[in-house]
Amino acid sequence: MLNLVQRYVAAALLFGCAGLAPALSSDADRRLSDTLEQVLPSLVSSGDYRSASKLSFQLATVRSRMNEPAAACSALSQSLAQYRTALSKETGEPVYAAASNEDGMQEIRSKFGCTVAQFG
């Protein structure tokens, strides 16, 4: 298991690579996807839901680029759940109270090609 410093270094490296994403080959996309999937559980288990949300969104972007819409939508759903959990922790409000702006979420879902059934 990665310690806290290693997790933040890995996250920083992944965020730094995000700007290069359009130029990545499909093999590099697969490696990035695999790395993101390996790092995410440690962020969630440490309670760093904000970083987990960001990495899940990056995973959704990579999966979308890899033409894997179901996996992209699943990662997008996880990102939203982690974001809401982060907001709840930061504000002290229940998770359901953080659920808002469904019109905005529908627009984001459509950009990833998500259907209601995939996103649920």
PDB file of N, CA and C in Angstrom:
ATOM      1  N   MET A   1       0.849  -1.174   0.000  1.00  0.00           N
ATOM      2  CA  MET A   1       0.000   0.000   0.000  1.00  0.00           C
ATOM      3  C   MET A   1       0.892   1.234   0.000  1.00  0.00           C
ATOM      4  N   LEU A   2       0.502   2.185  -0.765  1.00  0.00           N
ATOM      5  CA  LEU A   2       1.258   3.425  -0.846  1.00  0.00           C
ATOM      6  C   LEU A   2       1.046   4.257   0.407  1.00  0.00           C
ATOM      7  N   ASN A   3       2.147   4.885   0.893  1.00  0.00           N
ATOM      8  CA  ASN A   3       1.941   5.788   2.015  1.00  0.00           C
ATOM      9  C   ASN A   3       1.397   7.108   1.500  1.00  0.00           C
ATOM     10  N   LEU A   4       1.049   7.995   2.402  1.00  0.00           N
ATOM     11  CA  LEU A   4       0.383   9.241   2.037  1.00  0.00           C
ATOM     12  C   LEU A   4       1.215  10.083   1.078  1.00  0.00           C
ATOM     13  N   VAL A   5       2.504  10.211   1.336  1.00  0.00           N
ATOM     14  CA  VAL A   5       3.362  11.016   0.464  1.00  0.00           C
ATOM     15  C   VAL A   5       3.428  10.407  -0.933  1.00  0.00           C
ATOM     16  N   GLN A   6       3.563   9.094  -1.013  1.00  0.00           N
ATOM     17  CA  GLN A   6       3.615   8.428  -2.312  1.00  0.00           C
ATOM     18  C   GLN A   6       2.311   8.632  -3.075  1.00  0.00           C
ATOM     19  N   ARG A   7       1.187   8.615  -2.375  1.00  0.00           N
ATOM     20  CA  ARG A   7      -0.095   8.836  -3.037  1.00  0.00           C
ATOM     21  C   ARG A   7      -0.178  10.233  -3.635  1.00  0.00           C
ATOM     22  N   TYR A   8       0.274  11.220  -2.866  1.00  0.00           N
ATOM     23  CA  TYR A   8       0.218  12.588  -3.380  1.00  0.00           C
ATOM     24  C   TYR A   8       1.184  12.796  -4.532  1.00  0.00           C
ATOM     25  N   VAL A   9       2.346  12.167  -4.468  1.00  0.00           N
ATOM     26  CA  VAL A   9       3.296  12.258  -5.574  1.00  0.00           C
ATOM     27  C   VAL A   9       2.701  11.604  -6.816  1.00  0.00           C
ATOM     28  N   ALA A  10       2.102  10.436  -6.647  1.00  0.00           N
ATOM     29  CA  ALA A  10       1.478   9.750  -7.779  1.00  0.00           C
ATOM     30  C   ALA A  10       0.349  10.596  -8.360  1.00  0.00           C
ATOM     31  N   ALA A  11      -0.461  11.186  -7.485  1.00  0.00           N
ATOM     32  CA  ALA A  11      -1.559  12.033  -7.962  1.00  0.00           C
ATOM     33  C   ALA A  11      -1.026  13.241  -8.706  1.00  0.00           C
ATOM     34  N   ALA A  12       0.047  13.854  -8.181  1.00  0.00           N
ATOM     35  CA  ALA A  12       0.631  15.022  -8.848  1.00  0.00           C
ATOM     36  C   ALA A  12       1.170  14.654 -10.221  1.00  0.00           C
ATOM     37  N   LEU A  13       1.803  13.500 -10.300  1.00  0.00           N
ATOM     38  CA  LEU A  13       2.312  13.048 -11.596  1.00  0.00           C
ATOM     39  C   LEU A  13       1.178  12.798 -12.569  1.00  0.00           C
ATOM     40  N   LEU A  14       0.113  12.189 -12.080  1.00  0.00           N
ATOM     41  CA  LEU A  14      -1.033  11.909 -12.950  1.00  0.00           C
ATOM     42  C   LEU A  14      -1.695  13.193 -13.407  1.00  0.00           C
ATOM     43  N   PHE A  15      -1.848  14.162 -12.488  1.00  0.00           N
ATOM     44  CA  PHE A  15      -2.439  15.437 -12.887  1.00  0.00           C
ATOM     45  C   PHE A  15      -1.539  16.145 -13.885  1.00  0.00           C
ATOM     46  N   GLY A  16      -0.233  16.029 -13.705  1.00  0.00           N
ATOM     47  CA  GLY A  16       0.708  16.647 -14.632  1.00  0.00           C
ATOM     48  C   GLY A  16       0.623  16.032 -16.013  1.00  0.00           C
ATOM     49  N   CYS A  17       0.351  14.750 -16.077  1.00  0.00           N
ATOM     50  CA  CYS A  17       0.229  14.066 -17.364  1.00  0.00           C
ATOM     51  C   CYS A  17      -1.093  14.374 -18.049  1.00  0.00           C
ATOM     52  N   ALA A  18      -2.054  14.880 -17.294  1.00  0.00           N
ATOM     53  CA  ALA A  18      -3.381  15.124 -17.865  1.00  0.00           C
ATOM     54  C   ALA A  18      -3.333  16.105 -19.024  1.00  0.00           C
ATOM     55  N   GLY A  19      -2.448  17.084 -18.972  1.00  0.00           N
ATOM     56  CA  GLY A  19      -2.332  18.042 -20.059  1.00  0.00           C
ATOM     57  C   GLY A  19      -1.787  17.430 -21.326  1.00  0.00           C
ATOM     58  N   LEU A  20      -1.091  16.333 -21.194  1.00  0.00           N
ATOM     59  CA  LEU A  20      -0.523  15.637 -22.352  1.00  0.00           C
ATOM     60  C   LEU A  20      -1.498  14.647 -22.958  1.00  0.00           C
ATOM     61  N   ALA A  21      -2.622  14.430 -22.298  1.00  0.00           N
ATOM     62  CA  ALA A  21      -3.554  13.375 -22.672  1.00  0.00           C
ATOM     63  C   ALA A  21      -3.940  13.360 -24.145  1.00  0.00           C
ATOM     64  N   PRO A  22      -4.241  14.497 -24.811  1.00  0.00           N
ATOM     65  CA  PRO A  22      -4.642  14.407 -26.213  1.00  0.00           C
ATOM     66  C   PRO A  22      -3.566  13.811 -27.126  1.00  0.00           C
ATOM     67  N   ALA A  23      -2.313  13.917 -26.731  1.00  0.00           N
ATOM     68  CA  ALA A  23      -1.241  13.430 -27.573  1.00  0.00           C
ATOM     69  C   ALA A  23      -0.856  11.976 -27.274  1.00  0.00           C
ATOM     70  N   LEU A  24      -1.476  11.366 -26.277  1.00  0.00           N
ATOM     71  CA  LEU A  24      -1.116  10.015 -25.884  1.00  0.00           C
ATOM     72  C   LEU A  24      -1.623   8.981 -26.877  1.00  0.00           C
ATOM     73  N   SER A  25      -0.852   7.916 -27.049  1.00  0.00           N
ATOM     74  CA  SER A  25      -1.281   6.808 -27.899  1.00  0.00           C
ATOM     75  C   SER A  25      -2.256   5.927 -27.119  1.00  0.00           C
ATOM     76  N   SER A  26      -2.881   4.997 -27.812  1.00  0.00           N
ATOM     77  CA  SER A  26      -3.829   4.111 -27.137  1.00  0.00           C
ATOM     78  C   SER A  26      -3.134   3.253 -26.082  1.00  0.00           C
ATOM     79  N   ASP A  27      -1.884   2.857 -26.328  1.00  0.00           N
ATOM     80  CA  ASP A  27      -1.131   2.086 -25.338  1.00  0.00           C
ATOM     81  C   ASP A  27      -0.865   2.946 -24.102  1.00  0.00           C
ATOM     82  N   ALA A  28      -0.511   4.194 -24.313  1.00  0.00           N
ATOM     83  CA  ALA A  28      -0.275   5.094 -23.186  1.00  0.00           C
ATOM     84  C   ALA A  28      -1.580   5.363 -22.435  1.00  0.00           C
ATOM     85  N   ASP A  29      -2.679   5.479 -23.167  1.00  0.00           N
ATOM     86  CA  ASP A  29      -3.980   5.647 -22.519  1.00  0.00           C
ATOM     87  C   ASP A  29      -4.294   4.441 -21.635  1.00  0.00           C
ATOM     88  N   ARG A  30      -4.006   3.254 -22.124  1.00  0.00           N
ATOM     89  CA  ARG A  30      -4.263   2.037 -21.342  1.00  0.00           C
ATOM     90  C   ARG A  30      -3.414   2.050 -20.073  1.00  0.00           C
ATOM     91  N   ARG A  31      -2.139   2.431 -20.196  1.00  0.00           N
ATOM     92  CA  ARG A  31      -1.275   2.482 -19.014  1.00  0.00           C
ATOM     93  C   ARG A  31      -1.769   3.534 -18.017  1.00  0.00           C
ATOM     94  N   LEU A  32      -2.181   4.700 -18.531  1.00  0.00           N
ATOM     95  CA  LEU A  32      -2.705   5.743 -17.656  1.00  0.00           C
ATOM     96  C   LEU A  32      -3.963   5.261 -16.962  1.00  0.00           C
ATOM     97  N   SER A  33      -4.846   4.621 -17.700  1.00  0.00           N
ATOM     98  CA  SER A  33      -6.077   4.086 -17.134  1.00  0.00           C
ATOM     99  C   SER A  33      -5.770   3.078 -16.025  1.00  0.00           C
ATOM    100  N   ASP A  34      -4.843   2.176 -16.295  1.00  0.00           N
ATOM    101  CA  ASP A  34      -4.461   1.170 -15.296  1.00  0.00           C
ATOM    102  C   ASP A  34      -3.879   1.820 -14.043  1.00  0.00           C
ATOM    103  N   THR A  35      -3.031   2.832 -14.239  1.00  0.00           N
ATOM    104  CA  THR A  35      -2.418   3.527 -13.106  1.00  0.00           C
ATOM    105  C   THR A  35      -3.465   4.249 -12.273  1.00  0.00           C
ATOM    106  N   LEU A  36      -4.383   4.917 -12.940  1.00  0.00           N
ATOM    107  CA  LEU A  36      -5.449   5.611 -12.221  1.00  0.00           C
ATOM    108  C   LEU A  36      -6.268   4.627 -11.397  1.00  0.00           C
ATOM    109  N   GLU A  37      -6.590   3.487 -11.976  1.00  0.00           N
ATOM    110  CA  GLU A  37      -7.371   2.476 -11.260  1.00  0.00           C
ATOM    111  C   GLU A  37      -6.611   1.923 -10.058  1.00  0.00           C
ATOM    112  N   GLN A  38      -5.286   1.881 -10.127  1.00  0.00           N
ATOM    113  CA  GLN A  38      -4.488   1.386  -9.004  1.00  0.00           C
ATOM    114  C   GLN A  38      -4.408   2.410  -7.880  1.00  0.00           C
ATOM    115  N   VAL A  39      -4.361   3.693  -8.225  1.00  0.00           N
ATOM    116  CA  VAL A  39      -4.202   4.754  -7.233  1.00  0.00           C
ATOM    117  C   VAL A  39      -5.513   5.085  -6.529  1.00  0.00           C
ATOM    118  N   LEU A  40      -6.616   5.010  -7.249  1.00  0.00           N
ATOM    119  CA  LEU A  40      -7.913   5.442  -6.707  1.00  0.00           C
ATOM    120  C   LEU A  40      -8.305   4.780  -5.382  1.00  0.00           C
ATOM    121  N   PRO A  41      -8.185   3.468  -5.235  1.00  0.00           N
ATOM    122  CA  PRO A  41      -8.615   2.860  -3.962  1.00  0.00           C
ATOM    123  C   PRO A  41      -7.875   3.414  -2.743  1.00  0.00           C
ATOM    124  N   SER A  42      -6.590   3.731  -2.892  1.00  0.00           N
ATOM    125  CA  SER A  42      -5.858   4.250  -1.742  1.00  0.00           C
ATOM    126  C   SER A  42      -6.319   5.654  -1.374  1.00  0.00           C
ATOM    127  N   LEU A  43      -6.703   6.448  -2.373  1.00  0.00           N
ATOM    128  CA  LEU A  43      -7.225   7.785  -2.082  1.00  0.00           C
ATOM    129  C   LEU A  43      -8.559   7.683  -1.345  1.00  0.00           C
ATOM    130  N   VAL A  44      -9.409   6.782  -1.806  1.00  0.00           N
ATOM    131  CA  VAL A  44     -10.718   6.602  -1.167  1.00  0.00           C
ATOM    132  C   VAL A  44     -10.533   6.068   0.257  1.00  0.00           C
ATOM    133  N   SER A  45      -9.662   5.074   0.410  1.00  0.00           N
ATOM    134  CA  SER A  45      -9.490   4.489   1.747  1.00  0.00           C
ATOM    135  C   SER A  45      -8.868   5.483   2.720  1.00  0.00           C
ATOM    136  N   SER A  46      -8.117   6.462   2.216  1.00  0.00           N
ATOM    137  CA  SER A  46      -7.536   7.470   3.101  1.00  0.00           C
ATOM    138  C   SER A  46      -8.497   8.632   3.350  1.00  0.00           C
ATOM    139  N   GLY A  47      -9.651   8.620   2.664  1.00  0.00           N
ATOM    140  CA  GLY A  47     -10.640   9.671   2.850  1.00  0.00           C
ATOM    141  C   GLY A  47     -10.389  10.918   2.027  1.00  0.00           C
ATOM    142  N   ASP A  48      -9.488  10.838   1.051  1.00  0.00           N
ATOM    143  CA  ASP A  48      -9.206  11.994   0.183  1.00  0.00           C
ATOM    144  C   ASP A  48     -10.158  11.943  -1.011  1.00  0.00           C
ATOM    145  N   TYR A  49     -11.421  12.244  -0.743  1.00  0.00           N
ATOM    146  CA  TYR A  49     -12.458  12.125  -1.761  1.00  0.00           C
ATOM    147  C   TYR A  49     -12.342  13.183  -2.851  1.00  0.00           C
ATOM    148  N   ARG A  50     -11.820  14.342  -2.524  1.00  0.00           N
ATOM    149  CA  ARG A  50     -11.670  15.383  -3.543  1.00  0.00           C
ATOM    150  C   ARG A  50     -10.658  14.928  -4.605  1.00  0.00           C
ATOM    151  N   SER A  51      -9.505  14.420  -4.186  1.00  0.00           N
ATOM    152  CA  SER A  51      -8.515  13.927  -5.149  1.00  0.00           C
ATOM    153  C   SER A  51      -9.039  12.708  -5.896  1.00  0.00           C
ATOM    154  N   ALA A  52      -9.740  11.840  -5.184  1.00  0.00           N
ATOM    155  CA  ALA A  52     -10.321  10.657  -5.830  1.00  0.00           C
ATOM    156  C   ALA A  52     -11.312  11.076  -6.906  1.00  0.00           C
ATOM    157  N   SER A  53     -12.099  12.106  -6.622  1.00  0.00           N
ATOM    158  CA  SER A  53     -13.055  12.598  -7.612  1.00  0.00           C
ATOM    159  C   SER A  53     -12.340  13.115  -8.858  1.00  0.00           C
ATOM    160  N   LYS A  54     -11.271  13.864  -8.649  1.00  0.00           N
ATOM    161  CA  LYS A  54     -10.513  14.409  -9.784  1.00  0.00           C
ATOM    162  C   LYS A  54      -9.906  13.287 -10.622  1.00  0.00           C
ATOM    163  N   LEU A  55      -9.339  12.288  -9.940  1.00  0.00           N
ATOM    164  CA  LEU A  55      -8.734  11.181 -10.687  1.00  0.00           C
ATOM    165  C   LEU A  55      -9.794  10.326 -11.368  1.00  0.00           C
ATOM    166  N   SER A  56     -10.941  10.164 -10.742  1.00  0.00           N
ATOM    167  CA  SER A  56     -12.026   9.409 -11.380  1.00  0.00           C
ATOM    168  C   SER A  56     -12.515  10.130 -12.634  1.00  0.00           C
ATOM    169  N   PHE A  57     -12.579  11.457 -12.561  1.00  0.00           N
ATOM    170  CA  PHE A  57     -12.972  12.227 -13.741  1.00  0.00           C
ATOM    171  C   PHE A  57     -11.926  12.066 -14.842  1.00  0.00           C
ATOM    172  N   GLN A  58     -10.637  12.084 -14.466  1.00  0.00           N
ATOM    173  CA  GLN A  58      -9.566  11.855 -15.449  1.00  0.00           C
ATOM    174  C   GLN A  58      -9.692  10.460 -16.050  1.00  0.00           C
ATOM    175  N   LEU A  59     -10.026   9.473 -15.221  1.00  0.00           N
ATOM    176  CA  LEU A  59     -10.228   8.112 -15.711  1.00  0.00           C
ATOM    177  C   LEU A  59     -11.391   8.079 -16.700  1.00  0.00           C
ATOM    178  N   ALA A  60     -12.468   8.789 -16.390  1.00  0.00           N
ATOM    179  CA  ALA A  60     -13.607   8.856 -17.307  1.00  0.00           C
ATOM    180  C   ALA A  60     -13.180   9.458 -18.644  1.00  0.00           C
ATOM    181  N   THR A  61     -12.362  10.490 -18.596  1.00  0.00           N
ATOM    182  CA  THR A  61     -11.879  11.131 -19.821  1.00  0.00           C
ATOM    183  C   THR A  61     -11.028  10.176 -20.647  1.00  0.00           C
ATOM    184  N   VAL A  62     -10.133   9.463 -19.985  1.00  0.00           N
ATOM    185  CA  VAL A  62      -9.269   8.501 -20.688  1.00  0.00           C
ATOM    186  C   VAL A  62     -10.107   7.377 -21.275  1.00  0.00           C
ATOM    187  N   ARG A  63     -11.043   6.847 -20.503  1.00  0.00           N
ATOM    188  CA  ARG A  63     -11.892   5.757 -20.990  1.00  0.00           C
ATOM    189  C   ARG A  63     -12.762   6.214 -22.164  1.00  0.00           C
ATOM    190  N   SER A  64     -13.219   7.445 -22.106  1.00  0.00           N
ATOM    191  CA  SER A  64     -13.992   7.984 -23.223  1.00  0.00           C
ATOM    192  C   SER A  64     -13.125   8.067 -24.473  1.00  0.00           C
ATOM    193  N   ARG A  65     -11.904   8.537 -24.299  1.00  0.00           N
ATOM    194  CA  ARG A  65     -10.966   8.635 -25.427  1.00  0.00           C
ATOM    195  C   ARG A  65     -10.639   7.249 -25.992  1.00  0.00           C
ATOM    196  N   MET A  66     -10.673   6.231 -25.122  1.00  0.00           N
ATOM    197  CA  MET A  66     -10.398   4.860 -25.545  1.00  0.00           C
ATOM    198  C   MET A  66     -11.645   4.212 -26.162  1.00  0.00           C
ATOM    199  N   ASN A  67     -12.705   4.972 -26.301  1.00  0.00           N
ATOM    200  CA  ASN A  67     -13.970   4.488 -26.853  1.00  0.00           C
ATOM    201  C   ASN A  67     -14.564   3.368 -25.997  1.00  0.00           C
ATOM    202  N   GLU A  68     -14.561   3.595 -24.688  1.00  0.00           N
ATOM    203  CA  GLU A  68     -15.162   2.680 -23.727  1.00  0.00           C
ATOM    204  C   GLU A  68     -16.232   3.446 -22.947  1.00  0.00           C
ATOM    205  N   PRO A  69     -17.375   3.720 -23.602  1.00  0.00           N
ATOM    206  CA  PRO A  69     -18.373   4.594 -22.965  1.00  0.00           C
ATOM    207  C   PRO A  69     -18.939   4.049 -21.658  1.00  0.00           C
ATOM    208  N   ALA A  70     -19.166   2.776 -21.536  1.00  0.00           N
ATOM    209  CA  ALA A  70     -19.720   2.231 -20.289  1.00  0.00           C
ATOM    210  C   ALA A  70     -18.734   2.429 -19.140  1.00  0.00           C
ATOM    211  N   ALA A  71     -17.449   2.171 -19.396  1.00  0.00           N
ATOM    212  CA  ALA A  71     -16.426   2.366 -18.365  1.00  0.00           C
ATOM    213  C   ALA A  71     -16.248   3.848 -18.052  1.00  0.00           C
ATOM    214  N   ALA A  72     -16.345   4.690 -19.079  1.00  0.00           N
ATOM    215  CA  ALA A  72     -16.238   6.140 -18.875  1.00  0.00           C
ATOM    216  C   ALA A  72     -17.391   6.622 -17.994  1.00  0.00           C
ATOM    217  N   CYS A  73     -18.586   6.152 -18.264  1.00  0.00           N
ATOM    218  CA  CYS A  73     -19.754   6.573 -17.495  1.00  0.00           C
ATOM    219  C   CYS A  73     -19.683   6.064 -16.064  1.00  0.00           C
ATOM    220  N   SER A  74     -19.154   4.875 -15.878  1.00  0.00           N
ATOM    221  CA  SER A  74     -18.981   4.338 -14.533  1.00  0.00           C
ATOM    222  C   SER A  74     -17.994   5.200 -13.745  1.00  0.00           C
ATOM    223  N   ALA A  75     -16.879   5.565 -14.366  1.00  0.00           N
ATOM    224  CA  ALA A  75     -15.885   6.415 -13.697  1.00  0.00           C
ATOM    225  C   ALA A  75     -16.466   7.803 -13.420  1.00  0.00           C
ATOM    226  N   LEU A  76     -17.275   8.312 -14.339  1.00  0.00           N
ATOM    227  CA  LEU A  76     -17.921   9.608 -14.137  1.00  0.00           C
ATOM    228  C   LEU A  76     -18.885   9.542 -12.951  1.00  0.00           C
ATOM    229  N   SER A  77     -19.614   8.465 -12.845  1.00  0.00           N
ATOM    230  CA  SER A  77     -20.530   8.268 -11.724  1.00  0.00           C
ATOM    231  C   SER A  77     -19.768   8.222 -10.404  1.00  0.00           C
ATOM    232  N   GLN A  78     -18.635   7.509 -10.393  1.00  0.00           N
ATOM    233  CA  GLN A  78     -17.799   7.441  -9.193  1.00  0.00           C
ATOM    234  C   GLN A  78     -17.261   8.822  -8.837  1.00  0.00           C
ATOM    235  N   SER A  79     -16.851   9.578  -9.856  1.00  0.00           N
ATOM    236  CA  SER A  79     -16.330  10.927  -9.619  1.00  0.00           C
ATOM    237  C   SER A  79     -17.381  11.791  -8.933  1.00  0.00           C
ATOM    238  N   LEU A  80     -18.605  11.725  -9.409  1.00  0.00           N
ATOM    239  CA  LEU A  80     -19.676  12.521  -8.820  1.00  0.00           C
ATOM    240  C   LEU A  80     -19.942  12.095  -7.376  1.00  0.00           C
ATOM    241  N   ALA A  81     -19.986  10.800  -7.132  1.00  0.00           N
ATOM    242  CA  ALA A  81     -20.233  10.309  -5.772  1.00  0.00           C
ATOM    243  C   ALA A  81     -19.107  10.743  -4.835  1.00  0.00           C
ATOM    244  N   GLN A  82     -17.866  10.671  -5.305  1.00  0.00           N
ATOM    245  CA  GLN A  82     -16.730  11.075  -4.476  1.00  0.00           C
ATOM    246  C   GLN A  82     -16.736  12.583  -4.231  1.00  0.00           C
ATOM    247  N   TYR A  83     -17.126  13.353  -5.243  1.00  0.00           N
ATOM    248  CA  TYR A  83     -17.216  14.802  -5.096  1.00  0.00           C
ATOM    249  C   TYR A  83     -18.267  15.164  -4.056  1.00  0.00           C
ATOM    250  N   ARG A  84     -19.410  14.511  -4.134  1.00  0.00           N
ATOM    251  CA  ARG A  84     -20.472  14.779  -3.167  1.00  0.00           C
ATOM    252  C   ARG A  84     -20.036  14.391  -1.747  1.00  0.00           C
ATOM    253  N   THR A  85     -19.308  13.299  -1.623  1.00  0.00           N
ATOM    254  CA  THR A  85     -18.798  12.893  -0.313  1.00  0.00           C
ATOM    255  C   THR A  85     -17.811  13.926   0.207  1.00  0.00           C
ATOM    256  N   ALA A  86     -16.942  14.427  -0.670  1.00  0.00           N
ATOM    257  CA  ALA A  86     -15.980  15.463  -0.274  1.00  0.00           C
ATOM    258  C   ALA A  86     -16.709  16.709   0.209  1.00  0.00           C
ATOM    259  N   LEU A  87     -17.727  17.133  -0.538  1.00  0.00           N
ATOM    260  CA  LEU A  87     -18.506  18.305  -0.122  1.00  0.00           C
ATOM    261  C   LEU A  87     -19.171  18.078   1.228  1.00  0.00           C
ATOM    262  N   SER A  88     -19.702  16.895   1.409  1.00  0.00           N
ATOM    263  CA  SER A  88     -20.357  16.569   2.662  1.00  0.00           C
ATOM    264  C   SER A  88     -19.375  16.635   3.830  1.00  0.00           C
ATOM    265  N   LYS A  89     -18.183  16.096   3.629  1.00  0.00           N
ATOM    266  CA  LYS A  89     -17.156  16.142   4.677  1.00  0.00           C
ATOM    267  C   LYS A  89     -16.741  17.579   4.971  1.00  0.00           C
ATOM    268  N   GLU A  90     -16.616  18.391   3.939  1.00  0.00           N
ATOM    269  CA  GLU A  90     -16.150  19.769   4.105  1.00  0.00           C
ATOM    270  C   GLU A  90     -17.195  20.672   4.736  1.00  0.00           C
ATOM    271  N   THR A  91     -18.470  20.436   4.428  1.00  0.00           N
ATOM    272  CA  THR A  91     -19.529  21.322   4.906  1.00  0.00           C
ATOM    273  C   THR A  91     -20.285  20.779   6.110  1.00  0.00           C
ATOM    274  N   GLY A  92     -20.174  19.476   6.342  1.00  0.00           N
ATOM    275  CA  GLY A  92     -20.932  18.857   7.416  1.00  0.00           C
ATOM    276  C   GLY A  92     -22.370  18.556   7.048  1.00  0.00           C
ATOM    277  N   GLU A  93     -22.741  18.857   5.807  1.00  0.00           N
ATOM    278  CA  GLU A  93     -24.096  18.573   5.327  1.00  0.00           C
ATOM    279  C   GLU A  93     -24.163  17.119   4.854  1.00  0.00           C
ATOM    280  N   PRO A  94     -25.359  16.514   4.933  1.00  0.00           N
ATOM    281  CA  PRO A  94     -25.505  15.137   4.426  1.00  0.00           C
ATOM    282  C   PRO A  94     -25.189  15.060   2.931  1.00  0.00           C
ATOM    283  N   VAL A  95     -24.774  13.887   2.471  1.00  0.00           N
ATOM    284  CA  VAL A  95     -24.413  13.694   1.066  1.00  0.00           C
ATOM    285  C   VAL A  95     -25.567  14.068   0.153  1.00  0.00           C
ATOM    286  N   TYR A  96     -26.795  13.688   0.497  1.00  0.00           N
ATOM    287  CA  TYR A  96     -27.921  13.984  -0.387  1.00  0.00           C
ATOM    288  C   TYR A  96     -28.139  15.486  -0.543  1.00  0.00           C
ATOM    289  N   ALA A  97     -27.748  16.278   0.458  1.00  0.00           N
ATOM    290  CA  ALA A  97     -27.905  17.732   0.351  1.00  0.00           C
ATOM    291  C   ALA A  97     -26.936  18.319  -0.667  1.00  0.00           C
ATOM    292  N   ALA A  98     -25.816  17.622  -0.907  1.00  0.00           N
ATOM    293  CA  ALA A  98     -24.828  18.092  -1.884  1.00  0.00           C
ATOM    294  C   ALA A  98     -25.260  17.787  -3.306  1.00  0.00           C
ATOM    295  N   ALA A  99     -26.280  16.968  -3.469  1.00  0.00           N
ATOM    296  CA  ALA A  99     -26.757  16.599  -4.807  1.00  0.00           C
ATOM    297  C   ALA A  99     -27.583  17.747  -5.366  1.00  0.00           C
ATOM    298  N   SER A 100     -27.018  18.431  -6.341  1.00  0.00           N
ATOM    299  CA  SER A 100     -27.751  19.531  -6.966  1.00  0.00           C
ATOM    300  C   SER A 100     -27.274  19.709  -8.390  1.00  0.00           C
ATOM    301  N   ASN A 101     -27.905  20.613  -9.105  1.00  0.00           N
ATOM    302  CA  ASN A 101     -27.545  20.962 -10.474  1.00  0.00           C
ATOM    303  C   ASN A 101     -27.592  19.753 -11.406  1.00  0.00           C
ATOM    304  N   GLU A 102     -28.686  19.044 -11.387  1.00  0.00           N
ATOM    305  CA  GLU A 102     -28.837  17.875 -12.258  1.00  0.00           C
ATOM    306  C   GLU A 102     -28.809  18.247 -13.735  1.00  0.00           C
ATOM    307  N   ASP A 103     -29.241  19.472 -14.089  1.00  0.00           N
ATOM    308  CA  ASP A 103     -29.158  19.899 -15.488  1.00  0.00           C
ATOM    309  C   ASP A 103     -27.711  19.950 -15.945  1.00  0.00           C
ATOM    310  N   GLY A 104     -26.852  20.483 -15.092  1.00  0.00           N
ATOM    311  CA  GLY A 104     -25.426  20.534 -15.411  1.00  0.00           C
ATOM    312  C   GLY A 104     -24.831  19.148 -15.536  1.00  0.00           C
ATOM    313  N   MET A 105     -25.242  18.246 -14.650  1.00  0.00           N
ATOM    314  CA  MET A 105     -24.740  16.875 -14.717  1.00  0.00           C
ATOM    315  C   MET A 105     -25.218  16.182 -15.979  1.00  0.00           C
ATOM    316  N   GLN A 106     -26.434  16.452 -16.404  1.00  0.00           N
ATOM    317  CA  GLN A 106     -26.934  15.838 -17.631  1.00  0.00           C
ATOM    318  C   GLN A 106     -26.093  16.279 -18.822  1.00  0.00           C
ATOM    319  N   GLU A 107     -25.697  17.538 -18.823  1.00  0.00           N
ATOM    320  CA  GLU A 107     -24.855  18.040 -19.913  1.00  0.00           C
ATOM    321  C   GLU A 107     -23.496  17.337 -19.917  1.00  0.00           C
ATOM    322  N   ILE A 108     -22.916  17.157 -18.739  1.00  0.00           N
ATOM    323  CA  ILE A 108     -21.625  16.458 -18.647  1.00  0.00           C
ATOM    324  C   ILE A 108     -21.790  15.003 -19.077  1.00  0.00           C
ATOM    325  N   ARG A 109     -22.840  14.346 -18.602  1.00  0.00           N
ATOM    326  CA  ARG A 109     -23.093  12.952 -18.991  1.00  0.00           C
ATOM    327  C   ARG A 109     -23.201  12.815 -20.502  1.00  0.00           C
ATOM    328  N   SER A 110     -23.892  13.757 -21.125  1.00  0.00           N
ATOM    329  CA  SER A 110     -24.079  13.664 -22.575  1.00  0.00           C
ATOM    330  C   SER A 110     -22.753  13.820 -23.317  1.00  0.00           C
ATOM    331  N   LYS A 111     -21.837  14.603 -22.787  1.00  0.00           N
ATOM    332  CA  LYS A 111     -20.522  14.764 -23.426  1.00  0.00           C
ATOM    333  C   LYS A 111     -19.727  13.462 -23.395  1.00  0.00           C
ATOM    334  N   PHE A 112     -20.009  12.618 -22.406  1.00  0.00           N
ATOM    335  CA  PHE A 112     -19.348  11.324 -22.315  1.00  0.00           C
ATOM    336  C   PHE A 112     -20.153  10.230 -23.005  1.00  0.00           C
ATOM    337  N   GLY A 113     -21.322  10.578 -23.514  1.00  0.00           N
ATOM    338  CA  GLY A 113     -22.173   9.610 -24.189  1.00  0.00           C
ATOM    339  C   GLY A 113     -22.916   8.695 -23.241  1.00  0.00           C
ATOM    340  N   CYS A 114     -23.138   9.162 -22.022  1.00  0.00           N
ATOM    341  CA  CYS A 114     -23.809   8.339 -21.009  1.00  0.00           C
ATOM    342  C   CYS A 114     -25.323   8.407 -21.168  1.00  0.00           C
ATOM    343  N   THR A 115     -25.940   7.262 -21.015  1.00  0.00           N
ATOM    344  CA  THR A 115     -27.392   7.204 -20.958  1.00  0.00           C
ATOM    345  C   THR A 115     -27.788   7.140 -19.490  1.00  0.00           C
ATOM    346  N   VAL A 116     -29.044   7.339 -19.208  1.00  0.00           N
ATOM    347  CA  VAL A 116     -29.516   7.263 -17.822  1.00  0.00           C
ATOM    348  C   VAL A 116     -29.241   5.874 -17.259  1.00  0.00           C
ATOM    349  N   ALA A 117     -29.458   4.839 -18.060  1.00  0.00           N
ATOM    350  CA  ALA A 117     -29.236   3.465 -17.607  1.00  0.00           C
ATOM    351  C   ALA A 117     -27.772   3.223 -17.266  1.00  0.00           C
ATOM    352  N   GLN A 118     -26.832   3.768 -18.057  1.00  0.00           N
ATOM    353  CA  GLN A 118     -25.411   3.578 -17.777  1.00  0.00           C
ATOM    354  C   GLN A 118     -25.001   4.312 -16.524  1.00  0.00           C
ATOM    355  N   PHE A 119     -25.593   5.455 -16.283  1.00  0.00           N
ATOM    356  CA  PHE A 119     -25.128   6.310 -15.209  1.00  0.00           C
ATOM    357  C   PHE A 119     -25.673   5.924 -13.861  1.00  0.00           C
ATOM    358  N   GLY A 120     -26.885   5.361 -13.836  1.00  0.00           N
ATOM    359  CA  GLY A 120     -27.545   5.063 -12.592  1.00  0.00           C
ATOM    360  C   GLY A 120     -26.720   4.388 -11.604  1.00  0.00           C
TER     361      GLY A 120
END
